[in-house]
N, C-alpha and C. Protein backbone atom coordinates (compact mmCIF):
# COMPACT_ATOMS: atom_id res chain seq x y z
N MET A 1 -71.65 -171.69 -52.56
CA MET A 1 -70.63 -172.12 -51.61
C MET A 1 -71.26 -172.93 -50.49
N THR A 2 -70.56 -173.93 -50.04
CA THR A 2 -71.00 -174.78 -48.96
C THR A 2 -69.95 -174.79 -47.86
N ILE A 3 -70.39 -174.66 -46.61
CA ILE A 3 -69.49 -174.80 -45.47
C ILE A 3 -69.84 -176.11 -44.79
N ARG A 4 -68.85 -176.96 -44.58
CA ARG A 4 -69.10 -178.26 -43.95
C ARG A 4 -67.90 -178.63 -43.08
N HIS A 5 -68.11 -179.63 -42.21
CA HIS A 5 -67.01 -180.12 -41.38
C HIS A 5 -66.00 -180.84 -42.26
N ALA A 6 -64.75 -180.62 -41.98
CA ALA A 6 -63.69 -181.28 -42.74
C ALA A 6 -63.58 -182.74 -42.33
N THR A 7 -63.10 -183.55 -43.25
CA THR A 7 -62.82 -184.96 -42.98
C THR A 7 -61.33 -185.19 -43.17
N THR A 8 -60.86 -186.37 -42.76
CA THR A 8 -59.44 -186.66 -42.92
C THR A 8 -59.04 -186.68 -44.39
N THR A 9 -59.96 -187.01 -45.28
CA THR A 9 -59.62 -187.02 -46.70
C THR A 9 -59.43 -185.60 -47.24
N ASP A 10 -59.92 -184.60 -46.51
CA ASP A 10 -59.74 -183.21 -46.92
C ASP A 10 -58.34 -182.68 -46.57
N LEU A 11 -57.65 -183.33 -45.64
CA LEU A 11 -56.41 -182.77 -45.12
C LEU A 11 -55.34 -182.48 -46.18
N PRO A 12 -55.08 -183.38 -47.13
CA PRO A 12 -54.08 -183.02 -48.15
C PRO A 12 -54.42 -181.73 -48.89
N THR A 13 -55.69 -181.52 -49.20
CA THR A 13 -56.10 -180.30 -49.88
C THR A 13 -55.92 -179.10 -48.97
N ILE A 14 -56.28 -179.26 -47.70
CA ILE A 14 -56.12 -178.17 -46.74
C ILE A 14 -54.66 -177.79 -46.61
N ILE A 15 -53.79 -178.79 -46.52
CA ILE A 15 -52.35 -178.52 -46.42
C ILE A 15 -51.86 -177.84 -47.69
N GLY A 16 -52.39 -178.26 -48.83
CA GLY A 16 -52.01 -177.65 -50.10
C GLY A 16 -52.38 -176.18 -50.14
N ILE A 17 -53.57 -175.85 -49.62
CA ILE A 17 -54.00 -174.45 -49.57
C ILE A 17 -53.05 -173.65 -48.68
N TYR A 18 -52.69 -174.23 -47.55
CA TYR A 18 -51.77 -173.55 -46.64
C TYR A 18 -50.41 -173.34 -47.32
N ASN A 19 -49.91 -174.39 -47.95
CA ASN A 19 -48.60 -174.30 -48.58
C ASN A 19 -48.57 -173.29 -49.72
N ALA A 20 -49.73 -173.09 -50.38
CA ALA A 20 -49.78 -172.12 -51.48
C ALA A 20 -49.55 -170.71 -50.98
N ALA A 21 -49.83 -170.47 -49.70
CA ALA A 21 -49.63 -169.14 -49.14
C ALA A 21 -48.20 -168.94 -48.63
N VAL A 22 -47.45 -170.04 -48.52
CA VAL A 22 -46.12 -169.97 -47.92
C VAL A 22 -45.01 -169.53 -48.88
N PRO A 23 -45.05 -169.86 -50.19
CA PRO A 23 -43.89 -169.55 -51.04
C PRO A 23 -43.44 -168.10 -51.01
N SER A 24 -44.36 -167.15 -50.87
CA SER A 24 -43.95 -165.76 -50.82
C SER A 24 -43.08 -165.48 -49.61
N ARG A 25 -43.25 -166.29 -48.55
CA ARG A 25 -42.44 -166.11 -47.35
C ARG A 25 -41.19 -166.98 -47.39
N MET A 26 -41.20 -168.00 -48.24
CA MET A 26 -40.06 -168.91 -48.27
C MET A 26 -38.78 -168.24 -48.76
N ALA A 27 -38.93 -167.25 -49.62
CA ALA A 27 -37.75 -166.59 -50.18
C ALA A 27 -36.88 -165.99 -49.08
N THR A 28 -37.52 -165.46 -48.04
CA THR A 28 -36.75 -164.85 -46.96
C THR A 28 -36.40 -165.84 -45.87
N ALA A 29 -37.17 -166.90 -45.76
CA ALA A 29 -36.94 -167.83 -44.64
C ALA A 29 -36.32 -169.15 -45.08
N ASP A 30 -36.22 -169.39 -46.39
CA ASP A 30 -35.64 -170.62 -46.92
C ASP A 30 -36.35 -171.85 -46.35
N LEU A 31 -37.69 -171.83 -46.41
CA LEU A 31 -38.49 -172.92 -45.88
C LEU A 31 -38.90 -173.90 -46.98
N LYS A 32 -39.18 -175.12 -46.56
CA LYS A 32 -39.78 -176.10 -47.45
C LYS A 32 -41.28 -176.14 -47.15
N PRO A 33 -42.10 -176.55 -48.13
CA PRO A 33 -43.54 -176.64 -47.87
C PRO A 33 -43.84 -177.54 -46.67
N VAL A 34 -44.87 -177.20 -45.95
CA VAL A 34 -45.27 -177.96 -44.77
C VAL A 34 -45.90 -179.28 -45.22
N SER A 35 -45.52 -180.37 -44.56
CA SER A 35 -46.06 -181.68 -44.92
C SER A 35 -47.44 -181.87 -44.30
N VAL A 36 -48.20 -182.79 -44.87
CA VAL A 36 -49.51 -183.13 -44.32
C VAL A 36 -49.36 -183.62 -42.89
N GLU A 37 -48.36 -184.45 -42.65
CA GLU A 37 -48.17 -185.02 -41.32
C GLU A 37 -47.87 -183.95 -40.28
N SER A 38 -46.98 -183.02 -40.62
CA SER A 38 -46.62 -182.00 -39.63
C SER A 38 -47.77 -181.04 -39.39
N ARG A 39 -48.54 -180.74 -40.44
CA ARG A 39 -49.67 -179.82 -40.27
C ARG A 39 -50.78 -180.49 -39.45
N LEU A 40 -51.01 -181.79 -39.68
CA LEU A 40 -52.01 -182.53 -38.91
C LEU A 40 -51.60 -182.54 -37.43
N ALA A 41 -50.30 -182.76 -37.17
CA ALA A 41 -49.81 -182.75 -35.79
C ALA A 41 -50.01 -181.37 -35.17
N TRP A 42 -49.85 -180.33 -35.98
CA TRP A 42 -50.07 -178.96 -35.48
C TRP A 42 -51.52 -178.76 -35.09
N PHE A 43 -52.45 -179.23 -35.94
CA PHE A 43 -53.87 -179.12 -35.62
C PHE A 43 -54.18 -179.84 -34.31
N GLN A 44 -53.69 -181.06 -34.19
CA GLN A 44 -53.99 -181.85 -33.01
C GLN A 44 -53.36 -181.25 -31.76
N GLY A 45 -52.17 -180.71 -31.90
CA GLY A 45 -51.48 -180.12 -30.76
C GLY A 45 -52.10 -178.82 -30.30
N ARG A 46 -52.66 -178.04 -31.22
CA ARG A 46 -53.23 -176.75 -30.86
C ARG A 46 -54.68 -176.85 -30.41
N SER A 47 -55.33 -177.97 -30.68
CA SER A 47 -56.76 -178.08 -30.41
C SER A 47 -57.08 -179.28 -29.53
N PRO A 48 -56.58 -179.31 -28.30
CA PRO A 48 -56.80 -180.49 -27.48
C PRO A 48 -58.23 -180.65 -26.99
N ASN A 49 -58.95 -179.55 -26.81
CA ASN A 49 -60.29 -179.63 -26.22
C ASN A 49 -61.39 -179.76 -27.25
N PHE A 50 -61.25 -179.09 -28.36
CA PHE A 50 -62.24 -179.20 -29.44
C PHE A 50 -61.55 -178.89 -30.75
N ARG A 51 -61.96 -179.60 -31.80
CA ARG A 51 -61.27 -179.45 -33.07
C ARG A 51 -62.21 -179.17 -34.23
N PRO A 52 -63.20 -178.31 -34.06
CA PRO A 52 -64.01 -178.04 -35.23
C PRO A 52 -63.14 -177.47 -36.35
N LEU A 53 -63.20 -178.10 -37.47
CA LEU A 53 -62.46 -177.65 -38.65
C LEU A 53 -63.44 -177.67 -39.80
N TRP A 54 -63.70 -176.52 -40.39
CA TRP A 54 -64.65 -176.41 -41.48
C TRP A 54 -63.92 -176.10 -42.76
N VAL A 55 -64.46 -176.62 -43.85
CA VAL A 55 -63.98 -176.22 -45.16
C VAL A 55 -65.12 -175.52 -45.89
N ILE A 56 -64.75 -174.61 -46.76
CA ILE A 56 -65.73 -173.96 -47.62
C ILE A 56 -65.39 -174.38 -49.04
N GLU A 57 -66.40 -174.83 -49.77
CA GLU A 57 -66.13 -175.36 -51.10
C GLU A 57 -67.17 -174.89 -52.10
N GLN A 58 -66.76 -174.93 -53.35
CA GLN A 58 -67.65 -174.59 -54.46
C GLN A 58 -67.52 -175.70 -55.49
N ASP A 59 -68.65 -176.30 -55.84
CA ASP A 59 -68.66 -177.40 -56.81
C ASP A 59 -67.64 -178.47 -56.47
N GLY A 60 -67.53 -178.80 -55.19
CA GLY A 60 -66.63 -179.86 -54.75
C GLY A 60 -65.18 -179.44 -54.62
N VAL A 61 -64.85 -178.19 -54.91
CA VAL A 61 -63.48 -177.70 -54.80
C VAL A 61 -63.33 -176.93 -53.49
N ILE A 62 -62.41 -177.38 -52.64
CA ILE A 62 -62.18 -176.69 -51.37
C ILE A 62 -61.47 -175.37 -51.64
N ALA A 63 -62.09 -174.29 -51.18
CA ALA A 63 -61.56 -172.95 -51.43
C ALA A 63 -60.90 -172.37 -50.18
N GLY A 64 -61.13 -172.97 -49.02
CA GLY A 64 -60.53 -172.45 -47.79
C GLY A 64 -61.01 -173.22 -46.59
N TRP A 65 -60.53 -172.84 -45.43
CA TRP A 65 -60.92 -173.53 -44.20
C TRP A 65 -60.85 -172.60 -43.01
N LEU A 66 -61.52 -173.02 -41.95
CA LEU A 66 -61.51 -172.29 -40.68
C LEU A 66 -61.36 -173.30 -39.55
N SER A 67 -60.53 -172.96 -38.59
CA SER A 67 -60.42 -173.83 -37.41
C SER A 67 -60.54 -173.00 -36.14
N PHE A 68 -61.13 -173.62 -35.13
CA PHE A 68 -61.14 -173.06 -33.78
C PHE A 68 -60.02 -173.77 -33.03
N GLN A 69 -59.17 -173.00 -32.39
CA GLN A 69 -58.09 -173.61 -31.62
C GLN A 69 -58.23 -173.18 -30.17
N SER A 70 -58.21 -174.15 -29.27
CA SER A 70 -58.33 -173.79 -27.86
C SER A 70 -57.16 -172.90 -27.49
N PHE A 71 -57.41 -171.95 -26.64
CA PHE A 71 -56.39 -170.95 -26.35
C PHE A 71 -55.44 -171.45 -25.28
N TYR A 72 -54.43 -172.18 -25.71
CA TYR A 72 -53.36 -172.69 -24.85
C TYR A 72 -53.84 -173.66 -23.78
N GLY A 73 -55.07 -174.11 -23.85
CA GLY A 73 -55.55 -175.12 -22.92
C GLY A 73 -55.64 -174.68 -21.47
N ARG A 74 -55.56 -173.39 -21.21
CA ARG A 74 -55.62 -172.91 -19.84
C ARG A 74 -57.08 -172.86 -19.38
N PRO A 75 -57.37 -173.35 -18.16
CA PRO A 75 -58.76 -173.35 -17.67
C PRO A 75 -59.40 -171.96 -17.71
N ALA A 76 -58.62 -170.92 -17.44
CA ALA A 76 -59.19 -169.57 -17.42
C ALA A 76 -59.68 -169.14 -18.79
N TYR A 77 -59.17 -169.80 -19.81
CA TYR A 77 -59.55 -169.46 -21.18
C TYR A 77 -60.42 -170.55 -21.81
N ALA A 78 -61.11 -171.32 -20.97
CA ALA A 78 -61.88 -172.46 -21.46
C ALA A 78 -62.93 -172.08 -22.49
N ALA A 79 -63.48 -170.89 -22.40
CA ALA A 79 -64.52 -170.46 -23.34
C ALA A 79 -63.97 -169.53 -24.42
N THR A 80 -62.64 -169.60 -24.62
CA THR A 80 -61.97 -168.74 -25.60
C THR A 80 -61.34 -169.59 -26.68
N ALA A 81 -61.44 -169.14 -27.92
CA ALA A 81 -60.81 -169.85 -29.02
C ALA A 81 -60.15 -168.87 -29.96
N GLU A 82 -59.05 -169.30 -30.53
CA GLU A 82 -58.38 -168.55 -31.58
C GLU A 82 -58.90 -169.04 -32.92
N LEU A 83 -59.25 -168.12 -33.78
CA LEU A 83 -59.72 -168.48 -35.12
C LEU A 83 -58.56 -168.45 -36.10
N SER A 84 -58.50 -169.45 -36.95
CA SER A 84 -57.57 -169.43 -38.07
C SER A 84 -58.37 -169.61 -39.35
N ILE A 85 -58.18 -168.69 -40.27
CA ILE A 85 -58.89 -168.75 -41.55
C ILE A 85 -57.86 -168.70 -42.67
N TYR A 86 -57.96 -169.62 -43.60
CA TYR A 86 -57.14 -169.59 -44.80
C TYR A 86 -58.05 -169.69 -46.02
N ILE A 87 -57.77 -168.88 -47.00
CA ILE A 87 -58.49 -168.93 -48.27
C ILE A 87 -57.47 -169.18 -49.38
N ALA A 88 -57.78 -170.12 -50.26
CA ALA A 88 -56.88 -170.41 -51.38
C ALA A 88 -56.67 -169.14 -52.21
N PRO A 89 -55.43 -168.92 -52.68
CA PRO A 89 -55.15 -167.69 -53.45
C PRO A 89 -56.12 -167.45 -54.60
N ALA A 90 -56.56 -168.50 -55.26
CA ALA A 90 -57.48 -168.33 -56.40
C ALA A 90 -58.84 -167.80 -55.98
N PHE A 91 -59.13 -167.86 -54.67
CA PHE A 91 -60.45 -167.43 -54.18
C PHE A 91 -60.38 -166.17 -53.32
N HIS A 92 -59.23 -165.51 -53.33
CA HIS A 92 -59.14 -164.25 -52.59
C HIS A 92 -60.13 -163.24 -53.15
N ARG A 93 -60.62 -162.39 -52.29
CA ARG A 93 -61.54 -161.30 -52.66
C ARG A 93 -62.88 -161.80 -53.19
N CYS A 94 -63.26 -163.01 -52.79
CA CYS A 94 -64.56 -163.55 -53.19
C CYS A 94 -65.57 -163.51 -52.04
N GLY A 95 -65.16 -162.99 -50.91
CA GLY A 95 -66.07 -162.92 -49.76
C GLY A 95 -66.15 -164.19 -48.95
N LEU A 96 -65.25 -165.15 -49.20
CA LEU A 96 -65.32 -166.42 -48.47
C LEU A 96 -64.95 -166.23 -47.00
N GLY A 97 -63.98 -165.35 -46.72
CA GLY A 97 -63.61 -165.09 -45.35
C GLY A 97 -64.79 -164.56 -44.55
N LYS A 98 -65.61 -163.71 -45.18
CA LYS A 98 -66.80 -163.18 -44.51
C LYS A 98 -67.77 -164.30 -44.17
N GLN A 99 -67.96 -165.23 -45.11
CA GLN A 99 -68.89 -166.33 -44.86
C GLN A 99 -68.41 -167.21 -43.71
N LEU A 100 -67.11 -167.52 -43.70
CA LEU A 100 -66.57 -168.36 -42.64
C LEU A 100 -66.63 -167.66 -41.29
N LEU A 101 -66.29 -166.39 -41.26
CA LEU A 101 -66.31 -165.65 -40.00
C LEU A 101 -67.73 -165.50 -39.46
N ALA A 102 -68.68 -165.25 -40.34
CA ALA A 102 -70.08 -165.13 -39.92
C ALA A 102 -70.57 -166.45 -39.31
N LYS A 103 -70.22 -167.57 -39.94
CA LYS A 103 -70.63 -168.87 -39.41
C LYS A 103 -69.94 -169.16 -38.08
N ALA A 104 -68.68 -168.79 -37.96
CA ALA A 104 -67.94 -169.02 -36.71
C ALA A 104 -68.60 -168.27 -35.56
N ILE A 105 -68.99 -167.03 -35.79
CA ILE A 105 -69.63 -166.24 -34.74
C ILE A 105 -71.00 -166.82 -34.40
N GLU A 106 -71.73 -167.23 -35.43
CA GLU A 106 -73.06 -167.81 -35.23
C GLU A 106 -73.01 -169.12 -34.44
N GLU A 107 -71.99 -169.95 -34.72
CA GLU A 107 -71.90 -171.26 -34.09
C GLU A 107 -71.18 -171.25 -32.74
N SER A 108 -70.49 -170.16 -32.41
CA SER A 108 -69.69 -170.12 -31.19
C SER A 108 -70.47 -170.48 -29.93
N PRO A 109 -71.69 -169.95 -29.72
CA PRO A 109 -72.43 -170.33 -28.51
C PRO A 109 -72.70 -171.84 -28.44
N ASN A 110 -72.93 -172.47 -29.58
CA ASN A 110 -73.16 -173.92 -29.61
C ASN A 110 -71.92 -174.70 -29.21
N LEU A 111 -70.74 -174.09 -29.38
CA LEU A 111 -69.48 -174.73 -29.02
C LEU A 111 -69.05 -174.35 -27.61
N GLY A 112 -69.88 -173.57 -26.91
CA GLY A 112 -69.54 -173.15 -25.56
C GLY A 112 -68.53 -172.02 -25.51
N LEU A 113 -68.40 -171.29 -26.59
CA LEU A 113 -67.41 -170.21 -26.65
C LEU A 113 -68.04 -168.87 -26.30
N LYS A 114 -67.30 -168.08 -25.55
CA LYS A 114 -67.75 -166.74 -25.19
C LYS A 114 -66.83 -165.66 -25.76
N THR A 115 -65.63 -166.05 -26.15
CA THR A 115 -64.66 -165.09 -26.68
C THR A 115 -63.94 -165.70 -27.88
N LEU A 116 -63.82 -164.91 -28.94
CA LEU A 116 -63.06 -165.31 -30.12
C LEU A 116 -61.87 -164.37 -30.27
N LEU A 117 -60.74 -164.91 -30.65
CA LEU A 117 -59.53 -164.12 -30.86
C LEU A 117 -58.99 -164.33 -32.26
N GLY A 118 -58.43 -163.29 -32.80
CA GLY A 118 -57.73 -163.37 -34.07
C GLY A 118 -56.37 -162.73 -33.94
N PHE A 119 -55.33 -163.40 -34.39
CA PHE A 119 -53.96 -162.86 -34.38
C PHE A 119 -53.60 -162.55 -35.82
N ILE A 120 -53.46 -161.27 -36.11
CA ILE A 120 -53.33 -160.85 -37.51
C ILE A 120 -52.08 -160.00 -37.66
N PHE A 121 -51.30 -160.30 -38.70
CA PHE A 121 -50.12 -159.48 -38.96
C PHE A 121 -50.55 -158.07 -39.33
N ALA A 122 -49.87 -157.11 -38.74
CA ALA A 122 -50.29 -155.71 -38.88
C ALA A 122 -50.28 -155.24 -40.33
N HIS A 123 -49.47 -155.88 -41.17
CA HIS A 123 -49.43 -155.45 -42.58
C HIS A 123 -50.62 -156.00 -43.38
N ASN A 124 -51.37 -156.91 -42.78
CA ASN A 124 -52.47 -157.55 -43.49
C ASN A 124 -53.77 -156.74 -43.31
N GLN A 125 -53.85 -155.63 -43.99
CA GLN A 125 -54.99 -154.73 -43.84
C GLN A 125 -56.33 -155.37 -44.21
N PRO A 126 -56.43 -156.20 -45.27
CA PRO A 126 -57.73 -156.81 -45.57
C PRO A 126 -58.27 -157.65 -44.42
N SER A 127 -57.40 -158.43 -43.77
CA SER A 127 -57.85 -159.26 -42.65
C SER A 127 -58.23 -158.41 -41.45
N LEU A 128 -57.44 -157.38 -41.17
CA LEU A 128 -57.78 -156.48 -40.07
C LEU A 128 -59.15 -155.85 -40.30
N HIS A 129 -59.38 -155.39 -41.52
CA HIS A 129 -60.66 -154.77 -41.85
C HIS A 129 -61.82 -155.77 -41.72
N LEU A 130 -61.59 -157.00 -42.18
CA LEU A 130 -62.62 -158.03 -42.09
C LEU A 130 -63.04 -158.25 -40.64
N PHE A 131 -62.07 -158.43 -39.75
CA PHE A 131 -62.40 -158.67 -38.35
C PHE A 131 -63.08 -157.46 -37.73
N GLU A 132 -62.63 -156.27 -38.08
CA GLU A 132 -63.27 -155.05 -37.56
C GLU A 132 -64.72 -154.96 -38.02
N THR A 133 -64.99 -155.37 -39.26
CA THR A 133 -66.35 -155.33 -39.80
C THR A 133 -67.30 -156.17 -38.96
N PHE A 134 -66.80 -157.25 -38.38
CA PHE A 134 -67.63 -158.15 -37.57
C PHE A 134 -67.60 -157.78 -36.09
N GLY A 135 -67.07 -156.61 -35.77
CA GLY A 135 -67.12 -156.14 -34.39
C GLY A 135 -65.92 -156.49 -33.53
N PHE A 136 -64.92 -157.15 -34.10
CA PHE A 136 -63.72 -157.44 -33.33
C PHE A 136 -63.02 -156.13 -33.01
N GLN A 137 -62.46 -156.06 -31.79
CA GLN A 137 -61.73 -154.86 -31.38
C GLN A 137 -60.27 -155.21 -31.12
N LYS A 138 -59.43 -154.21 -31.26
CA LYS A 138 -58.00 -154.40 -31.01
C LYS A 138 -57.78 -154.54 -29.51
N TRP A 139 -57.33 -155.72 -29.09
CA TRP A 139 -57.10 -155.97 -27.67
C TRP A 139 -55.62 -155.90 -27.32
N GLY A 140 -54.77 -155.95 -28.30
CA GLY A 140 -53.34 -155.92 -28.01
C GLY A 140 -52.53 -155.75 -29.27
N TYR A 141 -51.27 -155.47 -29.06
CA TYR A 141 -50.35 -155.26 -30.17
C TYR A 141 -48.99 -155.78 -29.75
N LEU A 142 -48.42 -156.67 -30.54
CA LEU A 142 -47.12 -157.24 -30.24
C LEU A 142 -46.15 -156.88 -31.36
N PRO A 143 -45.22 -155.98 -31.10
CA PRO A 143 -44.27 -155.60 -32.15
C PRO A 143 -43.21 -156.67 -32.36
N GLN A 144 -42.87 -156.88 -33.60
CA GLN A 144 -41.76 -157.76 -33.98
C GLN A 144 -41.88 -159.16 -33.38
N VAL A 145 -43.00 -159.80 -33.64
CA VAL A 145 -43.22 -161.19 -33.21
C VAL A 145 -42.79 -162.11 -34.35
N ALA A 146 -42.06 -163.17 -34.04
CA ALA A 146 -41.60 -164.09 -35.07
C ALA A 146 -42.75 -164.99 -35.52
N ASP A 147 -42.93 -165.09 -36.81
CA ASP A 147 -43.94 -165.98 -37.40
C ASP A 147 -43.35 -167.38 -37.49
N LEU A 148 -44.14 -168.33 -38.00
CA LEU A 148 -43.66 -169.69 -38.18
C LEU A 148 -42.44 -169.74 -39.10
N ASP A 149 -42.35 -168.79 -40.03
CA ASP A 149 -41.22 -168.80 -40.96
C ASP A 149 -40.00 -168.06 -40.43
N GLY A 150 -40.06 -167.59 -39.19
CA GLY A 150 -38.91 -166.95 -38.58
C GLY A 150 -38.73 -165.49 -38.94
N VAL A 151 -39.61 -164.94 -39.77
CA VAL A 151 -39.53 -163.54 -40.14
C VAL A 151 -40.31 -162.72 -39.12
N GLU A 152 -39.71 -161.67 -38.61
CA GLU A 152 -40.37 -160.88 -37.58
C GLU A 152 -41.37 -159.90 -38.18
N ARG A 153 -42.56 -159.88 -37.61
CA ARG A 153 -43.61 -158.98 -38.07
C ARG A 153 -44.40 -158.49 -36.86
N ASP A 154 -45.07 -157.36 -37.01
CA ASP A 154 -45.94 -156.86 -35.95
C ASP A 154 -47.24 -157.64 -35.98
N LEU A 155 -47.78 -157.92 -34.79
CA LEU A 155 -48.97 -158.74 -34.67
C LEU A 155 -50.04 -157.97 -33.90
N VAL A 156 -51.25 -157.95 -34.45
CA VAL A 156 -52.38 -157.31 -33.79
C VAL A 156 -53.30 -158.40 -33.24
N ILE A 157 -53.71 -158.26 -31.98
CA ILE A 157 -54.64 -159.21 -31.37
C ILE A 157 -56.02 -158.59 -31.41
N MET A 158 -56.94 -159.26 -32.10
CA MET A 158 -58.32 -158.81 -32.22
C MET A 158 -59.21 -159.71 -31.37
N GLY A 159 -60.16 -159.13 -30.65
CA GLY A 159 -61.03 -159.93 -29.79
C GLY A 159 -62.48 -159.57 -29.94
N LEU A 160 -63.33 -160.57 -29.74
CA LEU A 160 -64.79 -160.37 -29.79
C LEU A 160 -65.43 -161.19 -28.69
N ARG A 161 -66.23 -160.53 -27.86
CA ARG A 161 -67.02 -161.25 -26.85
C ARG A 161 -68.37 -161.60 -27.45
N ILE A 162 -68.75 -162.85 -27.33
CA ILE A 162 -70.00 -163.32 -27.91
C ILE A 162 -71.16 -163.02 -26.96
């Protein structure tokens, strides 16, 4: 597996990976797949200060990605970033999330980050366990928070000080 910085030519594949995770939620929310354009706008809108976006690939096939998103652009949170990790369904349970998270923690000081945050749906036990394995602690809990698809779910806020 190789972790590298994403390029604009990677974006359609990245969007495809994201969309592959959405159909299970579409049944309840009646959503259409997210377009490349709207997802690119989301990346740019959420990451005004820094936009490191990494992909993890095997034999040239992108298996997932990780992005650092500035935390709402507030000066008080200048050294804080929210992590987003997506792994293609075909690569679940292959340990790719561990590799991406390990690299994110290792590279955070180089990016000027002192705090990493993860927002994880409470029903997603594998992700919660992954973040806990790397020392993230539960910093908050938001019951019945609406996701992008409009379905309400409980959200756990995980935090790690570097």
